[in-house]
Amino acid sequence: MGPMESISEGEFQELLRTGFKREAAHLETREAYGTAVELPYMARWLNGEPDDLAWLDEWCATLREHVAAGRSVKRARIVSEPLCDYQRWSHAIAQPMVDAGEDIRWAPRHALGSALVTANDFYLLDDAIAVFLTYTGDGMSADRLVSTDPDDLRRCRAAFDAVWSLTVPHGVYQPV
């Protein structure tokens, strides 16, 4: 693994908006995340309270811009079944992002067999930039590390493709 540079949340968000011309491939490997933005909405969902999902509007607008420009955004979620509360909620709120153009797919962990994946979530942008996302034990964001090392990029592409080949599209996946 080559040298990596830590970037701010703002720099990361800018990369997601303008840092690729062709494809953003996102691999999620954790069962649950504790993002400060998401946790209140998940708590309401667990309590059966309605959510208009307006808090997703900005991301959905960005997705529509990418699609209109011919760029693809793919997300592969590795999940254990039965799904934990976070992943059940995540599945329940994914449709607006799918409708906006994000290709979200689900990879049941048991179906991965011998596929080798990275220990950290990542975004791979045009096979030119990898952004590794690291988390604390309770799922809070710890850091975002950028690499352009060719070996890192090849490993990310291989890991993403291995998982992607075993995924189930969001509209077909039935949570267990």
C-alpha atoms as a PDB file:
ATOM      1  CA  MET A   1       0.000   0.000   0.000  1.00  0.00           C
ATOM      2  CA  GLY A   2       1.431   3.327  -1.029  1.00  0.00           C
ATOM      3  CA  PRO A   3       1.463   6.577   0.932  1.00  0.00           C
ATOM      4  CA  MET A   4      -1.968   7.984   1.672  1.00  0.00           C
ATOM      5  CA  GLU A   5      -3.178  11.463   2.393  1.00  0.00           C
ATOM      6  CA  SER A   6      -5.968  12.199   4.838  1.00  0.00           C
ATOM      7  CA  ILE A   7      -8.657  14.504   3.448  1.00  0.00           C
ATOM      8  CA  SER A   8     -11.415  16.474   5.152  1.00  0.00           C
ATOM      9  CA  GLU A   9     -15.093  15.615   4.920  1.00  0.00           C
ATOM     10  CA  GLY A  10     -15.543  18.692   2.693  1.00  0.00           C
ATOM     11  CA  GLU A  11     -12.780  17.565   0.317  1.00  0.00           C
ATOM     12  CA  PHE A  12     -14.328  14.095   0.214  1.00  0.00           C
ATOM     13  CA  GLN A  13     -17.774  15.508  -0.615  1.00  0.00           C
ATOM     14  CA  GLU A  14     -16.224  17.582  -3.407  1.00  0.00           C
ATOM     15  CA  LEU A  15     -14.583  14.437  -4.856  1.00  0.00           C
ATOM     16  CA  LEU A  16     -17.980  12.732  -4.867  1.00  0.00           C
ATOM     17  CA  ARG A  17     -19.456  15.705  -6.717  1.00  0.00           C
ATOM     18  CA  THR A  18     -16.688  16.478  -9.222  1.00  0.00           C
ATOM     19  CA  GLY A  19     -13.829  13.990  -8.786  1.00  0.00           C
ATOM     20  CA  PHE A  20     -14.698  11.527 -11.537  1.00  0.00           C
ATOM     21  CA  LYS A  21     -15.714  11.544 -15.184  1.00  0.00           C
ATOM     22  CA  ARG A  22     -16.861   7.944 -15.682  1.00  0.00           C
ATOM     23  CA  GLU A  23     -17.550   5.839 -12.595  1.00  0.00           C
ATOM     24  CA  ALA A  24     -17.657   5.948  -8.826  1.00  0.00           C
ATOM     25  CA  ALA A  25     -17.610   2.457  -7.337  1.00  0.00           C
ATOM     26  CA  HIS A  26     -18.362   2.264  -3.607  1.00  0.00           C
ATOM     27  CA  LEU A  27     -17.810  -0.870  -1.520  1.00  0.00           C
ATOM     28  CA  GLU A  28     -19.434  -1.053   1.918  1.00  0.00           C
ATOM     29  CA  THR A  29     -18.171  -3.812   4.200  1.00  0.00           C
ATOM     30  CA  ARG A  30     -19.535  -2.939   7.665  1.00  0.00           C
ATOM     31  CA  GLU A  31     -22.759  -4.123   9.244  1.00  0.00           C
ATOM     32  CA  ALA A  32     -23.607  -0.741  10.693  1.00  0.00           C
ATOM     33  CA  TYR A  33     -22.534   2.857  10.570  1.00  0.00           C
ATOM     34  CA  GLY A  34     -23.038   5.607  13.097  1.00  0.00           C
ATOM     35  CA  THR A  35     -23.037   8.740  10.999  1.00  0.00           C
ATOM     36  CA  ALA A  36     -24.259  11.758  12.912  1.00  0.00           C
ATOM     37  CA  VAL A  37     -26.541  12.664   9.997  1.00  0.00           C
ATOM     38  CA  GLU A  38     -28.193   9.258   9.747  1.00  0.00           C
ATOM     39  CA  LEU A  39     -28.625   8.157  13.367  1.00  0.00           C
ATOM     40  CA  PRO A  40     -31.619  10.401  14.233  1.00  0.00           C
ATOM     41  CA  TYR A  41     -33.474   9.235  11.095  1.00  0.00           C
ATOM     42  CA  MET A  42     -32.757   5.593  11.833  1.00  0.00           C
ATOM     43  CA  ALA A  43     -34.005   6.060  15.412  1.00  0.00           C
ATOM     44  CA  ARG A  44     -37.264   7.492  14.104  1.00  0.00           C
ATOM     45  CA  TRP A  45     -37.622   4.603  11.639  1.00  0.00           C
ATOM     46  CA  LEU A  46     -37.080   2.091  14.450  1.00  0.00           C
ATOM     47  CA  ASN A  47     -39.887   3.847  16.350  1.00  0.00           C
ATOM     48  CA  GLY A  48     -42.188   3.564  13.322  1.00  0.00           C
ATOM     49  CA  GLU A  49     -42.205   7.330  12.744  1.00  0.00           C
ATOM     50  CA  PRO A  50     -42.630   8.662   9.185  1.00  0.00           C
ATOM     51  CA  ASP A  51     -39.694  10.141   7.267  1.00  0.00           C
ATOM     52  CA  ASP A  52     -40.133  12.087   4.025  1.00  0.00           C
ATOM     53  CA  LEU A  53     -36.435  11.387   3.252  1.00  0.00           C
ATOM     54  CA  ALA A  54     -35.931  15.062   2.329  1.00  0.00           C
ATOM     55  CA  TRP A  55     -32.511  14.830   3.981  1.00  0.00           C
ATOM     56  CA  LEU A  56     -31.456  12.672   0.974  1.00  0.00           C
ATOM     57  CA  ASP A  57     -32.453  15.341  -1.562  1.00  0.00           C
ATOM     58  CA  GLU A  58     -28.967  16.829  -2.001  1.00  0.00           C
ATOM     59  CA  TRP A  59     -27.345  13.435  -2.627  1.00  0.00           C
ATOM     60  CA  CYS A  60     -30.153  12.449  -4.999  1.00  0.00           C
ATOM     61  CA  ALA A  61     -29.701  15.713  -6.927  1.00  0.00           C
ATOM     62  CA  THR A  62     -25.976  14.957  -7.231  1.00  0.00           C
ATOM     63  CA  LEU A  63     -26.794  11.456  -8.483  1.00  0.00           C
ATOM     64  CA  ARG A  64     -29.153  12.841 -11.135  1.00  0.00           C
ATOM     65  CA  GLU A  65     -26.400  15.236 -12.294  1.00  0.00           C
ATOM     66  CA  HIS A  66     -23.956  12.332 -12.620  1.00  0.00           C
ATOM     67  CA  VAL A  67     -26.440  10.260 -14.615  1.00  0.00           C
ATOM     68  CA  ALA A  68     -27.282  13.208 -16.882  1.00  0.00           C
ATOM     69  CA  ALA A  69     -23.552  13.633 -17.588  1.00  0.00           C
ATOM     70  CA  GLY A  70     -23.137   9.929 -18.396  1.00  0.00           C
ATOM     71  CA  ARG A  71     -21.363   9.007 -15.160  1.00  0.00           C
ATOM     72  CA  SER A  72     -22.280   5.906 -13.165  1.00  0.00           C
ATOM     73  CA  VAL A  73     -22.432   5.545  -9.395  1.00  0.00           C
ATOM     74  CA  LYS A  74     -22.383   1.978  -8.065  1.00  0.00           C
ATOM     75  CA  ARG A  75     -22.648   0.803  -4.475  1.00  0.00           C
ATOM     76  CA  ALA A  76     -22.096  -2.779  -3.346  1.00  0.00           C
ATOM     77  CA  ARG A  77     -23.177  -3.491   0.225  1.00  0.00           C
ATOM     78  CA  ILE A  78     -21.819  -6.603   1.899  1.00  0.00           C
ATOM     79  CA  VAL A  79     -24.360  -7.656   4.515  1.00  0.00           C
ATOM     80  CA  SER A  80     -24.839 -10.473   6.973  1.00  0.00           C
ATOM     81  CA  GLU A  81     -28.222 -12.128   7.101  1.00  0.00           C
ATOM     82  CA  PRO A  82     -30.506 -11.757   8.854  1.00  0.00           C
ATOM     83  CA  LEU A  83     -29.931  -8.040   8.408  1.00  0.00           C
ATOM     84  CA  CYS A  84     -29.152  -5.912  11.449  1.00  0.00           C
ATOM     85  CA  ASP A  85     -31.374  -2.905  12.184  1.00  0.00           C
ATOM     86  CA  TYR A  86     -29.019  -0.526  10.360  1.00  0.00           C
ATOM     87  CA  GLN A  87     -29.092  -2.556   7.138  1.00  0.00           C
ATOM     88  CA  ARG A  88     -32.869  -3.092   7.325  1.00  0.00           C
ATOM     89  CA  TRP A  89     -33.227   0.700   7.613  1.00  0.00           C
ATOM     90  CA  SER A  90     -30.670   1.244   4.863  1.00  0.00           C
ATOM     91  CA  HIS A  91     -32.663  -1.031   2.566  1.00  0.00           C
ATOM     92  CA  ALA A  92     -35.893   0.758   3.477  1.00  0.00           C
ATOM     93  CA  ILE A  93     -34.544   4.195   2.480  1.00  0.00           C
ATOM     94  CA  ALA A  94     -32.535   3.223  -0.639  1.00  0.00           C
ATOM     95  CA  GLN A  95     -35.244   3.594  -3.293  1.00  0.00           C
ATOM     96  CA  PRO A  96     -34.934   7.399  -3.753  1.00  0.00           C
ATOM     97  CA  MET A  97     -31.205   6.949  -4.438  1.00  0.00           C
ATOM     98  CA  VAL A  98     -31.903   4.100  -6.866  1.00  0.00           C
ATOM     99  CA  ASP A  99     -34.560   6.241  -8.572  1.00  0.00           C
ATOM    100  CA  ALA A 100     -31.986   9.061  -8.864  1.00  0.00           C
ATOM    101  CA  GLY A 101     -29.572   6.719 -10.663  1.00  0.00           C
ATOM    102  CA  GLU A 102     -27.372   5.034  -8.050  1.00  0.00           C
ATOM    103  CA  ASP A 103     -26.991   1.321  -8.787  1.00  0.00           C
ATOM    104  CA  ILE A 104     -27.216  -0.119  -5.264  1.00  0.00           C
ATOM    105  CA  ARG A 105     -26.688  -3.841  -4.911  1.00  0.00           C
ATOM    106  CA  TRP A 106     -26.620  -6.223  -1.982  1.00  0.00           C
ATOM    107  CA  ALA A 107     -24.069  -8.979  -1.411  1.00  0.00           C
ATOM    108  CA  PRO A 108     -25.032 -11.452   1.289  1.00  0.00           C
ATOM    109  CA  ARG A 109     -21.802 -12.175   3.145  1.00  0.00           C
ATOM    110  CA  HIS A 110     -22.401 -15.939   3.053  1.00  0.00           C
ATOM    111  CA  ALA A 111     -22.561 -15.825  -0.773  1.00  0.00           C
ATOM    112  CA  LEU A 112     -19.090 -14.271  -1.126  1.00  0.00           C
ATOM    113  CA  GLY A 113     -17.309 -17.581  -0.599  1.00  0.00           C
ATOM    114  CA  SER A 114     -13.600 -17.074  -1.127  1.00  0.00           C
ATOM    115  CA  ALA A 115     -13.833 -13.539  -2.575  1.00  0.00           C
ATOM    116  CA  LEU A 116     -11.104 -11.416  -1.017  1.00  0.00           C
ATOM    117  CA  VAL A 117     -12.073  -7.884  -0.088  1.00  0.00           C
ATOM    118  CA  THR A 118     -10.465  -4.961   1.673  1.00  0.00           C
ATOM    119  CA  ALA A 119     -10.895  -4.390   5.387  1.00  0.00           C
ATOM    120  CA  ASN A 120     -11.978  -0.793   4.746  1.00  0.00           C
ATOM    121  CA  ASP A 121     -14.856   0.644   2.774  1.00  0.00           C
ATOM    122  CA  PHE A 122     -13.750   2.630  -0.240  1.00  0.00           C
ATOM    123  CA  TYR A 123     -14.770   4.684  -3.222  1.00  0.00           C
ATOM    124  CA  LEU A 124     -12.877   4.017  -6.451  1.00  0.00           C
ATOM    125  CA  LEU A 125     -13.136   6.991  -8.812  1.00  0.00           C
ATOM    126  CA  ASP A 126     -12.375   6.247 -12.471  1.00  0.00           C
ATOM    127  CA  ASP A 127      -9.812   3.628 -11.362  1.00  0.00           C
ATOM    128  CA  ALA A 128      -7.558   6.623 -10.687  1.00  0.00           C
ATOM    129  CA  ILE A 129      -8.290   7.602  -7.068  1.00  0.00           C
ATOM    130  CA  ALA A 130      -9.181   5.390  -4.133  1.00  0.00           C
ATOM    131  CA  VAL A 131     -10.672   6.935  -1.017  1.00  0.00           C
ATOM    132  CA  PHE A 132     -10.544   4.520   1.913  1.00  0.00           C
ATOM    133  CA  LEU A 133     -13.118   5.238   4.594  1.00  0.00           C
ATOM    134  CA  THR A 134     -12.143   4.247   8.119  1.00  0.00           C
ATOM    135  CA  TYR A 135     -14.456   4.007  11.103  1.00  0.00           C
ATOM    136  CA  THR A 136     -14.334   3.721  14.851  1.00  0.00           C
ATOM    137  CA  GLY A 137     -15.585   0.556  16.516  1.00  0.00           C
ATOM    138  CA  ASP A 138     -19.077   2.010  16.887  1.00  0.00           C
ATOM    139  CA  GLY A 139     -19.297   2.947  13.219  1.00  0.00           C
ATOM    140  CA  MET A 140     -18.512   6.654  13.415  1.00  0.00           C
ATOM    141  CA  SER A 141     -16.354   8.071  10.643  1.00  0.00           C
ATOM    142  CA  ALA A 142     -12.678   8.191  11.643  1.00  0.00           C
ATOM    143  CA  ASP A 143     -10.847   9.286   8.485  1.00  0.00           C
ATOM    144  CA  ARG A 144     -10.787   9.413   4.699  1.00  0.00           C
ATOM    145  CA  LEU A 145      -7.492   8.335   3.135  1.00  0.00           C
ATOM    146  CA  VAL A 146      -6.718   8.999  -0.529  1.00  0.00           C
ATOM    147  CA  SER A 147      -4.434   6.827  -2.623  1.00  0.00           C
ATOM    148  CA  THR A 148      -3.386   6.945  -6.246  1.00  0.00           C
ATOM    149  CA  ASP A 149      -0.938   4.063  -5.844  1.00  0.00           C
ATOM    150  CA  PRO A 150      -1.437   1.699  -8.828  1.00  0.00           C
ATOM    151  CA  ASP A 151      -1.343  -1.373  -6.569  1.00  0.00           C
ATOM    152  CA  ASP A 152      -4.057   0.066  -4.316  1.00  0.00           C
ATOM    153  CA  LEU A 153      -6.166   0.930  -7.363  1.00  0.00           C
ATOM    154  CA  ARG A 154      -5.791  -2.588  -8.810  1.00  0.00           C
ATOM    155  CA  ARG A 155      -6.683  -4.206  -5.473  1.00  0.00           C
ATOM    156  CA  CYS A 156      -9.743  -2.001  -5.098  1.00  0.00           C
ATOM    157  CA  ARG A 157     -10.923  -2.775  -8.626  1.00  0.00           C
ATOM    158  CA  ALA A 158     -10.413  -6.508  -8.080  1.00  0.00           C
ATOM    159  CA  ALA A 159     -12.232  -6.447  -4.729  1.00  0.00           C
ATOM    160  CA  PHE A 160     -15.133  -4.385  -6.078  1.00  0.00           C
ATOM    161  CA  ASP A 161     -15.520  -6.544  -9.186  1.00  0.00           C
ATOM    162  CA  ALA A 162     -15.387  -9.764  -7.142  1.00  0.00           C
ATOM    163  CA  VAL A 163     -18.173  -8.543  -4.868  1.00  0.00           C
ATOM    164  CA  TRP A 164     -20.192  -6.892  -7.668  1.00  0.00           C
ATOM    165  CA  SER A 165     -20.329 -10.168  -9.591  1.00  0.00           C
ATOM    166  CA  LEU A 166     -22.133 -11.738  -6.592  1.00  0.00           C
ATOM    167  CA  THR A 167     -24.555  -8.911  -5.803  1.00  0.00           C
ATOM    168  CA  VAL A 168     -28.323  -8.775  -6.061  1.00  0.00           C
ATOM    169  CA  PRO A 169     -29.822  -5.527  -7.462  1.00  0.00           C
ATOM    170  CA  HIS A 170     -31.750  -3.440  -4.927  1.00  0.00           C
ATOM    171  CA  GLY A 171     -35.111  -3.984  -6.633  1.00  0.00           C
ATOM    172  CA  VAL A 172     -34.671  -7.751  -6.506  1.00  0.00           C
ATOM    173  CA  TYR A 173     -32.986  -8.212  -3.122  1.00  0.00           C
ATOM    174  CA  GLN A 174     -35.371  -9.399  -0.430  1.00  0.00           C
ATOM    175  CA  PRO A 175     -34.043  -8.612   3.048  1.00  0.00           C
ATOM    176  CA  VAL A 176     -33.805 -11.636   5.319  1.00  0.00           C
END
